[in-house]
Amino acid sequence: RDFGLPVLTHVRRSQDQVLKHVRQIRPPGGI
C-alpha cells in the first residue's frame, strides 16, 4: 500500500482470512 504496488497472494485454505486483511489495509490490487 505504501509504495503503490500490487501483491501476489498465497491463499491456500485461507481465502477468507486473506480477504479480511486485504479489505482492511487496501493494497492497490494484485493476484
PDB file of all heavy atoms in Angstrom:
ATOM      1  N   ARG A   1       0.832  -1.210   0.000  1.00  0.00           N
ATOM      2  CA  ARG A   1       0.000   0.000   0.000  1.00  0.00           C
ATOM      3  C   ARG A   1       0.862   1.255   0.000  1.00  0.00           C
ATOM      4  O   ARG A   1       0.624   2.199  -0.765  1.00  0.00           O
ATOM      5  CB  ARG A   1      -0.909  -0.011   1.228  1.00  0.00           C
ATOM      6  CG  ARG A   1      -1.822   1.210   1.351  1.00  0.00           C
ATOM      7  CD  ARG A   1      -2.393   1.300   2.751  1.00  0.00           C
ATOM      8  NE  ARG A   1      -1.318   1.489   3.744  1.00  0.00           N
ATOM      9  CZ  ARG A   1      -1.492   1.306   5.047  1.00  0.00           C
ATOM     10  NH1 ARG A   1      -2.657   0.914   5.530  1.00  0.00           N
ATOM     11  NH2 ARG A   1      -0.484   1.506   5.879  1.00  0.00           N
ATOM     12  N   ASP A   2       1.885   1.267   0.847  1.00  0.00           N
ATOM     13  CA  ASP A   2       2.712   2.469   0.991  1.00  0.00           C
ATOM     14  C   ASP A   2       3.474   2.805  -0.280  1.00  0.00           C
ATOM     15  O   ASP A   2       3.725   3.986  -0.565  1.00  0.00           O
ATOM     16  CB  ASP A   2       3.687   2.294   2.153  1.00  0.00           C
ATOM     17  CG  ASP A   2       2.999   2.221   3.513  1.00  0.00           C
ATOM     18  OD1 ASP A   2       1.787   2.523   3.580  1.00  0.00           O
ATOM     19  OD2 ASP A   2       3.671   1.859   4.497  1.00  0.00           O
ATOM     20  N   PHE A   3       3.855   1.787  -1.057  1.00  0.00           N
ATOM     21  CA  PHE A   3       4.633   2.027  -2.265  1.00  0.00           C
ATOM     22  C   PHE A   3       3.808   1.863  -3.546  1.00  0.00           C
ATOM     23  O   PHE A   3       4.355   1.940  -4.652  1.00  0.00           O
ATOM     24  CB  PHE A   3       5.851   1.102  -2.296  1.00  0.00           C
ATOM     25  CG  PHE A   3       6.873   1.443  -1.246  1.00  0.00           C
ATOM     26  CD1 PHE A   3       6.981   0.676  -0.094  1.00  0.00           C
ATOM     27  CD2 PHE A   3       7.700   2.546  -1.389  1.00  0.00           C
ATOM     28  CE1 PHE A   3       7.910   0.992   0.882  1.00  0.00           C
ATOM     29  CE2 PHE A   3       8.637   2.872  -0.420  1.00  0.00           C
ATOM     30  CZ  PHE A   3       8.741   2.101   0.735  1.00  0.00           C
ATOM     31  N   GLY A   4       2.501   1.652  -3.400  1.00  0.00           N
ATOM     32  CA  GLY A   4       1.618   1.579  -4.558  1.00  0.00           C
ATOM     33  C   GLY A   4       1.865   0.392  -5.459  1.00  0.00           C
ATOM     34  O   GLY A   4       1.787   0.502  -6.689  1.00  0.00           O
ATOM     35  N   LEU A   5       2.139  -0.778  -4.840  1.00  0.00           N
ATOM     36  CA  LEU A   5       2.468  -1.966  -5.620  1.00  0.00           C
ATOM     37  C   LEU A   5       1.408  -3.050  -5.438  1.00  0.00           C
ATOM     38  O   LEU A   5       0.890  -3.237  -4.336  1.00  0.00           O
ATOM     39  CB  LEU A   5       3.822  -2.521  -5.172  1.00  0.00           C
ATOM     40  CG  LEU A   5       5.030  -1.635  -5.483  1.00  0.00           C
ATOM     41  CD1 LEU A   5       6.225  -2.083  -4.662  1.00  0.00           C
ATOM     42  CD2 LEU A   5       5.356  -1.669  -6.977  1.00  0.00           C
ATOM     43  N   PRO A   6       1.110  -3.812  -6.488  1.00  0.00           N
ATOM     44  CA  PRO A   6       0.184  -4.948  -6.350  1.00  0.00           C
ATOM     45  C   PRO A   6       0.839  -6.079  -5.578  1.00  0.00           C
ATOM     46  O   PRO A   6       2.071  -6.137  -5.439  1.00  0.00           O
ATOM     47  CB  PRO A   6      -0.106  -5.347  -7.795  1.00  0.00           C
ATOM     48  CG  PRO A   6       1.136  -4.947  -8.530  1.00  0.00           C
ATOM     49  CD  PRO A   6       1.632  -3.692  -7.863  1.00  0.00           C
ATOM     50  N   VAL A   7       0.015  -7.003  -5.093  1.00  0.00           N
ATOM     51  CA  VAL A   7       0.509  -8.136  -4.312  1.00  0.00           C
ATOM     52  C   VAL A   7       0.178  -9.452  -5.012  1.00  0.00           C
ATOM     53  O   VAL A   7      -0.872  -9.595  -5.631  1.00  0.00           O
ATOM     54  CB  VAL A   7      -0.078  -8.137  -2.881  1.00  0.00           C
ATOM     55  CG1 VAL A   7       0.461  -6.966  -2.089  1.00  0.00           C
ATOM     56  CG2 VAL A   7      -1.600  -8.110  -2.888  1.00  0.00           C
ATOM     57  N   LEU A   8       1.097 -10.402  -4.895  1.00  0.00           N
ATOM     58  CA  LEU A   8       0.887 -11.767  -5.373  1.00  0.00           C
ATOM     59  C   LEU A   8       0.637 -12.613  -4.135  1.00  0.00           C
ATOM     60  O   LEU A   8       1.555 -12.857  -3.345  1.00  0.00           O
ATOM     61  CB  LEU A   8       2.114 -12.263  -6.138  1.00  0.00           C
ATOM     62  CG  LEU A   8       2.642 -11.331  -7.237  1.00  0.00           C
ATOM     63  CD1 LEU A   8       3.877 -11.934  -7.903  1.00  0.00           C
ATOM     64  CD2 LEU A   8       1.566 -11.027  -8.267  1.00  0.00           C
ATOM     65  N   THR A   9      -0.615 -13.047  -3.941  1.00  0.00           N
ATOM     66  CA  THR A   9      -1.014 -13.630  -2.666  1.00  0.00           C
ATOM     67  C   THR A   9      -1.186 -15.139  -2.741  1.00  0.00           C
ATOM     68  O   THR A   9      -1.797 -15.671  -3.671  1.00  0.00           O
ATOM     69  CB  THR A   9      -2.322 -13.005  -2.152  1.00  0.00           C
ATOM     70  OG1 THR A   9      -3.349 -13.177  -3.123  1.00  0.00           O
ATOM     71  CG2 THR A   9      -2.136 -11.529  -1.853  1.00  0.00           C
ATOM     72  N   HIS A  10      -0.680 -15.797  -1.722  1.00  0.00           N
ATOM     73  CA  HIS A  10      -0.820 -17.234  -1.496  1.00  0.00           C
ATOM     74  C   HIS A  10      -2.052 -17.409  -0.605  1.00  0.00           C
ATOM     75  O   HIS A  10      -2.101 -16.853   0.496  1.00  0.00           O
ATOM     76  CB  HIS A  10       0.449 -17.725  -0.797  1.00  0.00           C
ATOM     77  CG  HIS A  10       0.500 -19.179  -0.513  1.00  0.00           C
ATOM     78  ND1 HIS A  10       1.156 -20.089  -1.316  1.00  0.00           N
ATOM     79  CD2 HIS A  10       0.001 -19.910   0.521  1.00  0.00           C
ATOM     80  CE1 HIS A  10       1.075 -21.297  -0.801  1.00  0.00           C
ATOM     81  NE2 HIS A  10       0.369 -21.229   0.323  1.00  0.00           N
ATOM     82  N   VAL A  11      -3.034 -18.169  -1.071  1.00  0.00           N
ATOM     83  CA  VAL A  11      -4.331 -18.215  -0.368  1.00  0.00           C
ATOM     84  C   VAL A  11      -4.770 -19.652  -0.091  1.00  0.00           C
ATOM     85  O   VAL A  11      -5.970 -19.955  -0.101  1.00  0.00           O
ATOM     86  CB  VAL A  11      -5.421 -17.460  -1.165  1.00  0.00           C
ATOM     87  CG1 VAL A  11      -5.091 -15.983  -1.274  1.00  0.00           C
ATOM     88  CG2 VAL A  11      -5.607 -18.050  -2.577  1.00  0.00           C
ATOM     89  N   ARG A  12      -3.818 -20.544   0.210  1.00  0.00           N
ATOM     90  CA  ARG A  12      -4.173 -21.951   0.374  1.00  0.00           C
ATOM     91  C   ARG A  12      -4.967 -22.163   1.662  1.00  0.00           C
ATOM     92  O   ARG A  12      -4.469 -21.959   2.766  1.00  0.00           O
ATOM     93  CB  ARG A  12      -2.916 -22.828   0.365  1.00  0.00           C
ATOM     94  CG  ARG A  12      -3.244 -24.315   0.328  1.00  0.00           C
ATOM     95  CD  ARG A  12      -2.116 -25.168  -0.234  1.00  0.00           C
ATOM     96  NE  ARG A  12      -0.900 -25.098   0.567  1.00  0.00           N
ATOM     97  CZ  ARG A  12       0.094 -25.989   0.465  1.00  0.00           C
ATOM     98  NH1 ARG A  12       0.024 -26.988  -0.415  1.00  0.00           N
ATOM     99  NH2 ARG A  12       1.169 -25.870   1.208  1.00  0.00           N
ATOM    100  N   ARG A  13      -6.229 -22.568   1.478  1.00  0.00           N
ATOM    101  CA  ARG A  13      -7.178 -22.758   2.569  1.00  0.00           C
ATOM    102  C   ARG A  13      -7.280 -21.516   3.464  1.00  0.00           C
ATOM    103  O   ARG A  13      -7.491 -21.619   4.670  1.00  0.00           O
ATOM    104  CB  ARG A  13      -6.829 -23.993   3.399  1.00  0.00           C
ATOM    105  CG  ARG A  13      -6.962 -25.286   2.596  1.00  0.00           C
ATOM    106  CD  ARG A  13      -6.963 -26.505   3.470  1.00  0.00           C
ATOM    107  NE  ARG A  13      -7.067 -27.723   2.649  1.00  0.00           N
ATOM    108  CZ  ARG A  13      -6.986 -28.953   3.129  1.00  0.00           C
ATOM    109  NH1 ARG A  13      -6.824 -29.156   4.419  1.00  0.00           N
ATOM    110  NH2 ARG A  13      -7.079 -29.996   2.318  1.00  0.00           N
ATOM    111  N   SER A  14      -7.158 -20.354   2.857  1.00  0.00           N
ATOM    112  CA  SER A  14      -7.129 -19.117   3.642  1.00  0.00           C
ATOM    113  C   SER A  14      -7.758 -17.938   2.912  1.00  0.00           C
ATOM    114  O   SER A  14      -7.477 -16.789   3.229  1.00  0.00           O
ATOM    115  CB  SER A  14      -5.674 -18.768   3.995  1.00  0.00           C
ATOM    116  OG  SER A  14      -4.894 -18.566   2.823  1.00  0.00           O
ATOM    117  N   GLN A  15      -8.624 -18.227   1.941  1.00  0.00           N
ATOM    118  CA  GLN A  15      -9.166 -17.143   1.130  1.00  0.00           C
ATOM    119  C   GLN A  15      -9.857 -16.071   1.970  1.00  0.00           C
ATOM    120  O   GLN A  15      -9.630 -14.866   1.789  1.00  0.00           O
ATOM    121  CB  GLN A  15     -10.146 -17.695   0.085  1.00  0.00           C
ATOM    122  CG  GLN A  15      -9.503 -18.473  -1.029  1.00  0.00           C
ATOM    123  CD  GLN A  15      -9.443 -19.955  -0.742  1.00  0.00           C
ATOM    124  OE1 GLN A  15      -9.686 -20.406   0.377  1.00  0.00           O
ATOM    125  NE2 GLN A  15      -9.125 -20.755  -1.750  1.00  0.00           N
ATOM    126  N   ASP A  16     -10.722 -16.486   2.880  1.00  0.00           N
ATOM    127  CA  ASP A  16     -11.478 -15.511   3.660  1.00  0.00           C
ATOM    128  C   ASP A  16     -10.575 -14.692   4.569  1.00  0.00           C
ATOM    129  O   ASP A  16     -10.782 -13.482   4.740  1.00  0.00           O
ATOM    130  CB  ASP A  16     -12.559 -16.214   4.495  1.00  0.00           C
ATOM    131  CG  ASP A  16     -13.695 -16.768   3.644  1.00  0.00           C
ATOM    132  OD1 ASP A  16     -13.892 -16.275   2.510  1.00  0.00           O
ATOM    133  OD2 ASP A  16     -14.386 -17.696   4.112  1.00  0.00           O
ATOM    134  N   GLN A  17      -9.580 -15.350   5.147  1.00  0.00           N
ATOM    135  CA  GLN A  17      -8.682 -14.632   6.051  1.00  0.00           C
ATOM    136  C   GLN A  17      -7.819 -13.625   5.290  1.00  0.00           C
ATOM    137  O   GLN A  17      -7.599 -12.508   5.759  1.00  0.00           O
ATOM    138  CB  GLN A  17      -7.801 -15.627   6.814  1.00  0.00           C
ATOM    139  CG  GLN A  17      -8.569 -16.522   7.764  1.00  0.00           C
ATOM    140  CD  GLN A  17      -9.067 -17.802   7.091  1.00  0.00           C
ATOM    141  OE1 GLN A  17      -9.108 -17.914   5.857  1.00  0.00           O
ATOM    142  NE2 GLN A  17      -9.428 -18.785   7.910  1.00  0.00           N
ATOM    143  N   VAL A  18      -7.313 -14.019   4.113  1.00  0.00           N
ATOM    144  CA  VAL A  18      -6.548 -13.076   3.300  1.00  0.00           C
ATOM    145  C   VAL A  18      -7.432 -11.901   2.893  1.00  0.00           C
ATOM    146  O   VAL A  18      -7.019 -10.736   2.960  1.00  0.00           O
ATOM    147  CB  VAL A  18      -5.941 -13.771   2.070  1.00  0.00           C
ATOM    148  CG1 VAL A  18      -5.333 -12.747   1.118  1.00  0.00           C
ATOM    149  CG2 VAL A  18      -4.876 -14.787   2.489  1.00  0.00           C
ATOM    150  N   LEU A  19      -8.649 -12.202   2.495  1.00  0.00           N
ATOM    151  CA  LEU A  19      -9.581 -11.137   2.113  1.00  0.00           C
ATOM    152  C   LEU A  19      -9.815 -10.150   3.248  1.00  0.00           C
ATOM    153  O   LEU A  19      -9.889  -8.936   3.024  1.00  0.00           O
ATOM    154  CB  LEU A  19     -10.916 -11.747   1.684  1.00  0.00           C
ATOM    155  CG  LEU A  19     -11.039 -12.177   0.233  1.00  0.00           C
ATOM    156  CD1 LEU A  19     -12.272 -13.064   0.049  1.00  0.00           C
ATOM    157  CD2 LEU A  19     -11.129 -10.955  -0.680  1.00  0.00           C
ATOM    158  N   LYS A  20      -9.928 -10.660   4.462  1.00  0.00           N
ATOM    159  CA  LYS A  20     -10.145  -9.782   5.610  1.00  0.00           C
ATOM    160  C   LYS A  20      -9.031  -8.742   5.722  1.00  0.00           C
ATOM    161  O   LYS A  20      -9.292  -7.537   5.886  1.00  0.00           O
ATOM    162  CB  LYS A  20     -10.218 -10.609   6.891  1.00  0.00           C
ATOM    163  CG  LYS A  20     -10.370  -9.787   8.168  1.00  0.00           C
ATOM    164  CD  LYS A  20     -10.279 -10.649   9.405  1.00  0.00           C
ATOM    165  CE  LYS A  20      -8.846 -11.093   9.670  1.00  0.00           C
ATOM    166  NZ  LYS A  20      -8.697 -11.804  10.963  1.00  0.00           N
ATOM    167  N   HIS A  21      -7.797  -9.198   5.600  1.00  0.00           N
ATOM    168  CA  HIS A  21      -6.669  -8.277   5.738  1.00  0.00           C
ATOM    169  C   HIS A  21      -6.556  -7.349   4.531  1.00  0.00           C
ATOM    170  O   HIS A  21      -6.222  -6.169   4.682  1.00  0.00           O
ATOM    171  CB  HIS A  21      -5.389  -9.073   5.948  1.00  0.00           C
ATOM    172  CG  HIS A  21      -5.391  -9.878   7.210  1.00  0.00           C
ATOM    173  ND1 HIS A  21      -5.500  -9.311   8.465  1.00  0.00           N
ATOM    174  CD2 HIS A  21      -5.318 -11.219   7.426  1.00  0.00           C
ATOM    175  CE1 HIS A  21      -5.471 -10.250   9.391  1.00  0.00           C
ATOM    176  NE2 HIS A  21      -5.382 -11.419   8.779  1.00  0.00           N
ATOM    177  N   VAL A  22      -6.838  -7.863   3.343  1.00  0.00           N
ATOM    178  CA  VAL A  22      -6.823  -7.027   2.139  1.00  0.00           C
ATOM    179  C   VAL A  22      -7.850  -5.898   2.265  1.00  0.00           C
ATOM    180  O   VAL A  22      -7.563  -4.740   1.937  1.00  0.00           O
ATOM    181  CB  VAL A  22      -7.096  -7.893   0.893  1.00  0.00           C
ATOM    182  CG1 VAL A  22      -7.501  -7.032  -0.297  1.00  0.00           C
ATOM    183  CG2 VAL A  22      -5.869  -8.738   0.557  1.00  0.00           C
ATOM    184  N   ARG A  23      -9.029  -6.214   2.739  1.00  0.00           N
ATOM    185  CA  ARG A  23     -10.076  -5.204   2.877  1.00  0.00           C
ATOM    186  C   ARG A  23      -9.705  -4.139   3.899  1.00  0.00           C
ATOM    187  O   ARG A  23     -10.050  -2.957   3.747  1.00  0.00           O
ATOM    188  CB  ARG A  23     -11.390  -5.875   3.281  1.00  0.00           C
ATOM    189  CG  ARG A  23     -12.074  -6.635   2.162  1.00  0.00           C
ATOM    190  CD  ARG A  23     -13.156  -7.524   2.702  1.00  0.00           C
ATOM    191  NE  ARG A  23     -14.005  -8.100   1.673  1.00  0.00           N
ATOM    192  CZ  ARG A  23     -14.751  -9.179   1.842  1.00  0.00           C
ATOM    193  NH1 ARG A  23     -14.731  -9.817   3.015  1.00  0.00           N
ATOM    194  NH2 ARG A  23     -15.499  -9.645   0.861  1.00  0.00           N
ATOM    195  N   GLN A  24      -8.986  -4.543   4.933  1.00  0.00           N
ATOM    196  CA  GLN A  24      -8.623  -3.592   5.972  1.00  0.00           C
ATOM    197  C   GLN A  24      -7.471  -2.685   5.550  1.00  0.00           C
ATOM    198  O   GLN A  24      -7.484  -1.486   5.841  1.00  0.00           O
ATOM    199  CB  GLN A  24      -8.257  -4.341   7.253  1.00  0.00           C
ATOM    200  CG  GLN A  24      -9.445  -5.014   7.930  1.00  0.00           C
ATOM    201  CD  GLN A  24      -9.033  -5.884   9.105  1.00  0.00           C
ATOM    202  OE1 GLN A  24      -7.854  -6.115   9.355  1.00  0.00           O
ATOM    203  NE2 GLN A  24     -10.021  -6.396   9.840  1.00  0.00           N
ATOM    204  N   ILE A  25      -6.494  -3.238   4.849  1.00  0.00           N
ATOM    205  CA  ILE A  25      -5.284  -2.478   4.533  1.00  0.00           C
ATOM    206  C   ILE A  25      -5.331  -1.868   3.129  1.00  0.00           C
ATOM    207  O   ILE A  25      -4.750  -0.817   2.882  1.00  0.00           O
ATOM    208  CB  ILE A  25      -4.045  -3.375   4.732  1.00  0.00           C
ATOM    209  CG1 ILE A  25      -3.969  -3.770   6.215  1.00  0.00           C
ATOM    210  CG2 ILE A  25      -2.768  -2.679   4.279  1.00  0.00           C
ATOM    211  CD1 ILE A  25      -2.888  -4.773   6.547  1.00  0.00           C
ATOM    212  N   ARG A  26      -6.006  -2.512   2.222  1.00  0.00           N
ATOM    213  CA  ARG A  26      -6.287  -1.986   0.887  1.00  0.00           C
ATOM    214  C   ARG A  26      -5.039  -1.698   0.058  1.00  0.00           C
ATOM    215  O   ARG A  26      -4.764  -0.546  -0.304  1.00  0.00           O
ATOM    216  CB  ARG A  26      -7.163  -0.733   0.982  1.00  0.00           C
ATOM    217  CG  ARG A  26      -8.511  -1.009   1.607  1.00  0.00           C
ATOM    218  CD  ARG A  26      -9.422   0.198   1.552  1.00  0.00           C
ATOM    219  NE  ARG A  26     -10.725  -0.095   2.116  1.00  0.00           N
ATOM    220  CZ  ARG A  26     -11.738   0.764   2.178  1.00  0.00           C
ATOM    221  NH1 ARG A  26     -11.578   1.996   1.687  1.00  0.00           N
ATOM    222  NH2 ARG A  26     -12.887   0.425   2.693  1.00  0.00           N
ATOM    223  N   PRO A  27      -4.289  -2.730  -0.278  1.00  0.00           N
ATOM    224  CA  PRO A  27      -3.216  -2.540  -1.261  1.00  0.00           C
ATOM    225  C   PRO A  27      -3.845  -2.273  -2.625  1.00  0.00           C
ATOM    226  O   PRO A  27      -5.039  -2.534  -2.820  1.00  0.00           O
ATOM    227  CB  PRO A  27      -2.501  -3.889  -1.244  1.00  0.00           C
ATOM    228  CG  PRO A  27      -3.593  -4.865  -0.917  1.00  0.00           C
ATOM    229  CD  PRO A  27      -4.474  -4.148   0.082  1.00  0.00           C
ATOM    230  N   PRO A  28      -3.050  -1.774  -3.579  1.00  0.00           N
ATOM    231  CA  PRO A  28      -3.620  -1.450  -4.892  1.00  0.00           C
ATOM    232  C   PRO A  28      -3.780  -2.678  -5.786  1.00  0.00           C
ATOM    233  O   PRO A  28      -3.224  -2.759  -6.882  1.00  0.00           O
ATOM    234  CB  PRO A  28      -2.618  -0.458  -5.470  1.00  0.00           C
ATOM    235  CG  PRO A  28      -1.328  -0.831  -4.833  1.00  0.00           C
ATOM    236  CD  PRO A  28      -1.668  -1.309  -3.455  1.00  0.00           C
ATOM    237  N   GLY A  29      -4.565  -3.644  -5.322  1.00  0.00           N
ATOM    238  CA  GLY A  29      -4.869  -4.802  -6.151  1.00  0.00           C
ATOM    239  C   GLY A  29      -3.777  -5.836  -6.163  1.00  0.00           C
ATOM    240  O   GLY A  29      -2.815  -5.783  -5.384  1.00  0.00           O
ATOM    241  N   GLY A  30      -3.943  -6.810  -7.046  1.00  0.00           N
ATOM    242  CA  GLY A  30      -2.977  -7.889  -7.146  1.00  0.00           C
ATOM    243  C   GLY A  30      -3.614  -9.135  -7.715  1.00  0.00           C
ATOM    244  O   GLY A  30      -4.622  -9.072  -8.433  1.00  0.00           O
ATOM    245  N   ILE A  31      -3.039 -10.277  -7.359  1.00  0.00           N
ATOM    246  CA  ILE A  31      -3.479 -11.572  -7.884  1.00  0.00           C
ATOM    247  C   ILE A  31      -3.643 -12.558  -6.733  1.00  0.00           C
ATOM    248  O   ILE A  31      -2.745 -12.687  -5.888  1.00  0.00           O
ATOM    249  CB  ILE A  31      -2.465 -12.134  -8.901  1.00  0.00           C
ATOM    250  CG1 ILE A  31      -2.363 -11.208 -10.127  1.00  0.00           C
ATOM    251  CG2 ILE A  31      -2.849 -13.551  -9.338  1.00  0.00           C
ATOM    252  CD1 ILE A  31      -1.225 -11.562 -11.064  1.00  0.00           C
TER     253      ILE A  31
END
